[in-house]
Each structure stands twice: as C-alpha cells, then as structure tokens.
Amino acid sequence: MAEIEANIIPPQRFEQWEYFENIRLNLLEIQQDYLLSQSRTNQNMSS
C-alpha cells in the first residue's frame, strides 16, 4: 500500500489534492467504524 501511495503524483492544484485527501480520511474512518462494529458483534456472540 505504501509503495502505491509513493508513486502517486500530487495534482498541480492543491484543492484537488485536498479533495482526495478528504476522501482517504473518510474511508479510514469508515474502516475503523466497521472494525469496531465487527469486534462488538464478535464479543456479543462469544458471551
């Protein structure tokens, strides 16, 4: 993953770069929420 990111050339316009960065952060948040909900359901099943 890190290798792929290193090969990405930042767009010339900063707004565009910021736009993609916001999407990336949103995806990370969604991923974390998903993992949290998964761990909660696993705990509920085990108890």
N, C-alpha and C. Protein backbone atom coordinates (compact mmCIF):
# COMPACT_ATOMS: atom_id res chain seq x y z
N MET A 1 0.84 -1.21 0.00
CA MET A 1 0.00 0.00 0.00
C MET A 1 0.87 1.26 0.00
N ALA A 2 1.86 1.27 0.85
CA ALA A 2 2.74 2.45 0.93
C ALA A 2 3.49 2.66 -0.38
N GLU A 3 3.85 1.55 -1.03
CA GLU A 3 4.57 1.67 -2.31
C GLU A 3 3.69 2.33 -3.36
N ILE A 4 2.42 1.95 -3.38
CA ILE A 4 1.49 2.53 -4.35
C ILE A 4 1.34 4.03 -4.09
N GLU A 5 1.18 4.41 -2.82
CA GLU A 5 0.99 5.83 -2.49
C GLU A 5 2.20 6.65 -2.89
N ALA A 6 3.39 6.08 -2.76
CA ALA A 6 4.61 6.81 -3.08
C ALA A 6 4.67 7.14 -4.57
N ASN A 7 4.02 6.31 -5.39
CA ASN A 7 4.06 6.51 -6.84
C ASN A 7 3.03 7.53 -7.32
N ILE A 8 2.10 7.90 -6.45
CA ILE A 8 1.07 8.87 -6.85
C ILE A 8 1.68 10.26 -6.92
N ILE A 9 1.49 10.92 -8.05
CA ILE A 9 1.99 12.29 -8.22
C ILE A 9 0.91 13.26 -7.78
N PRO A 10 1.21 14.14 -6.83
CA PRO A 10 0.19 15.09 -6.37
C PRO A 10 -0.28 15.97 -7.51
N PRO A 11 -1.60 16.18 -7.63
CA PRO A 11 -2.12 17.09 -8.66
C PRO A 11 -1.55 18.50 -8.49
N GLN A 12 -1.48 19.23 -9.58
CA GLN A 12 -0.92 20.58 -9.54
C GLN A 12 -1.76 21.50 -8.67
N ARG A 13 -3.07 21.32 -8.71
CA ARG A 13 -3.96 22.18 -7.93
C ARG A 13 -4.15 21.60 -6.54
N PHE A 14 -3.91 22.44 -5.54
CA PHE A 14 -3.97 21.97 -4.15
C PHE A 14 -5.39 21.54 -3.77
N GLU A 15 -6.41 22.23 -4.30
CA GLU A 15 -7.79 21.88 -3.96
C GLU A 15 -8.07 20.43 -4.34
N GLN A 16 -7.56 20.04 -5.48
CA GLN A 16 -7.77 18.67 -5.95
C GLN A 16 -7.10 17.69 -4.99
N TRP A 17 -5.89 17.99 -4.57
CA TRP A 17 -5.16 17.11 -3.65
C TRP A 17 -5.90 17.01 -2.32
N GLU A 18 -6.40 18.16 -1.84
CA GLU A 18 -7.14 18.20 -0.58
C GLU A 18 -8.42 17.36 -0.69
N TYR A 19 -9.05 17.42 -1.86
CA TYR A 19 -10.27 16.66 -2.11
C TYR A 19 -10.01 15.16 -1.96
N PHE A 20 -8.94 14.67 -2.58
CA PHE A 20 -8.61 13.25 -2.48
C PHE A 20 -8.19 12.87 -1.06
N GLU A 21 -7.50 13.78 -0.40
CA GLU A 21 -7.07 13.53 0.98
C GLU A 21 -8.29 13.39 1.89
N ASN A 22 -9.30 14.22 1.68
CA ASN A 22 -10.53 14.12 2.47
C ASN A 22 -11.23 12.79 2.24
N ILE A 23 -11.27 12.34 1.00
CA ILE A 23 -11.86 11.04 0.69
C ILE A 23 -11.11 9.94 1.42
N ARG A 24 -9.78 10.02 1.39
CA ARG A 24 -8.96 8.99 2.03
C ARG A 24 -9.23 8.95 3.54
N LEU A 25 -9.33 10.12 4.16
CA LEU A 25 -9.60 10.17 5.60
C LEU A 25 -10.99 9.62 5.91
N ASN A 26 -11.96 9.93 5.06
CA ASN A 26 -13.31 9.42 5.26
C ASN A 26 -13.34 7.90 5.17
N LEU A 27 -12.60 7.35 4.22
CA LEU A 27 -12.54 5.90 4.08
C LEU A 27 -11.90 5.26 5.30
N LEU A 28 -10.86 5.90 5.84
CA LEU A 28 -10.22 5.38 7.05
C LEU A 28 -11.20 5.36 8.22
N GLU A 29 -11.99 6.42 8.35
CA GLU A 29 -12.97 6.48 9.43
C GLU A 29 -14.02 5.39 9.28
N ILE A 30 -14.51 5.20 8.05
CA ILE A 30 -15.49 4.15 7.78
C ILE A 30 -14.91 2.79 8.12
N GLN A 31 -13.66 2.58 7.74
CA GLN A 31 -12.99 1.30 8.01
C GLN A 31 -12.89 1.06 9.51
N GLN A 32 -12.52 2.09 10.26
CA GLN A 32 -12.39 1.96 11.72
C GLN A 32 -13.75 1.66 12.35
N ASP A 33 -14.79 2.36 11.90
CA ASP A 33 -16.14 2.12 12.42
C ASP A 33 -16.56 0.68 12.14
N TYR A 34 -16.25 0.20 10.95
CA TYR A 34 -16.60 -1.16 10.57
C TYR A 34 -15.89 -2.17 11.46
N LEU A 35 -14.58 -1.96 11.67
CA LEU A 35 -13.81 -2.87 12.52
C LEU A 35 -14.33 -2.86 13.95
N LEU A 36 -14.71 -1.68 14.44
CA LEU A 36 -15.26 -1.57 15.79
C LEU A 36 -16.57 -2.35 15.90
N SER A 37 -17.44 -2.20 14.93
CA SER A 37 -18.72 -2.90 14.96
C SER A 37 -18.52 -4.41 14.84
N GLN A 38 -17.53 -4.82 14.06
CA GLN A 38 -17.21 -6.24 13.93
C GLN A 38 -16.76 -6.82 15.26
N SER A 39 -15.87 -6.12 15.95
CA SER A 39 -15.36 -6.61 17.23
C SER A 39 -16.48 -6.66 18.26
N ARG A 40 -17.43 -5.70 18.19
CA ARG A 40 -18.56 -5.71 19.12
C ARG A 40 -19.44 -6.93 18.89
N THR A 41 -19.73 -7.25 17.65
CA THR A 41 -20.59 -8.39 17.35
C THR A 41 -19.90 -9.68 17.75
N ASN A 42 -18.59 -9.74 17.59
CA ASN A 42 -17.84 -10.92 17.99
C ASN A 42 -17.91 -11.12 19.49
N GLN A 43 -17.81 -10.04 20.25
CA GLN A 43 -17.90 -10.12 21.71
C GLN A 43 -19.29 -10.58 22.13
N ASN A 44 -20.31 -10.08 21.45
CA ASN A 44 -21.68 -10.46 21.79
C ASN A 44 -21.92 -11.94 21.54
N MET A 45 -21.36 -12.47 20.47
CA MET A 45 -21.54 -13.88 20.15
C MET A 45 -20.82 -14.78 21.15
N SER A 46 -19.64 -14.36 21.59
CA SER A 46 -18.85 -15.21 22.48
C SER A 46 -19.43 -15.26 23.89
N SER A 47 -20.16 -14.19 24.29
CA SER A 47 -20.69 -14.17 25.66
C SER A 47 -22.00 -14.94 25.77
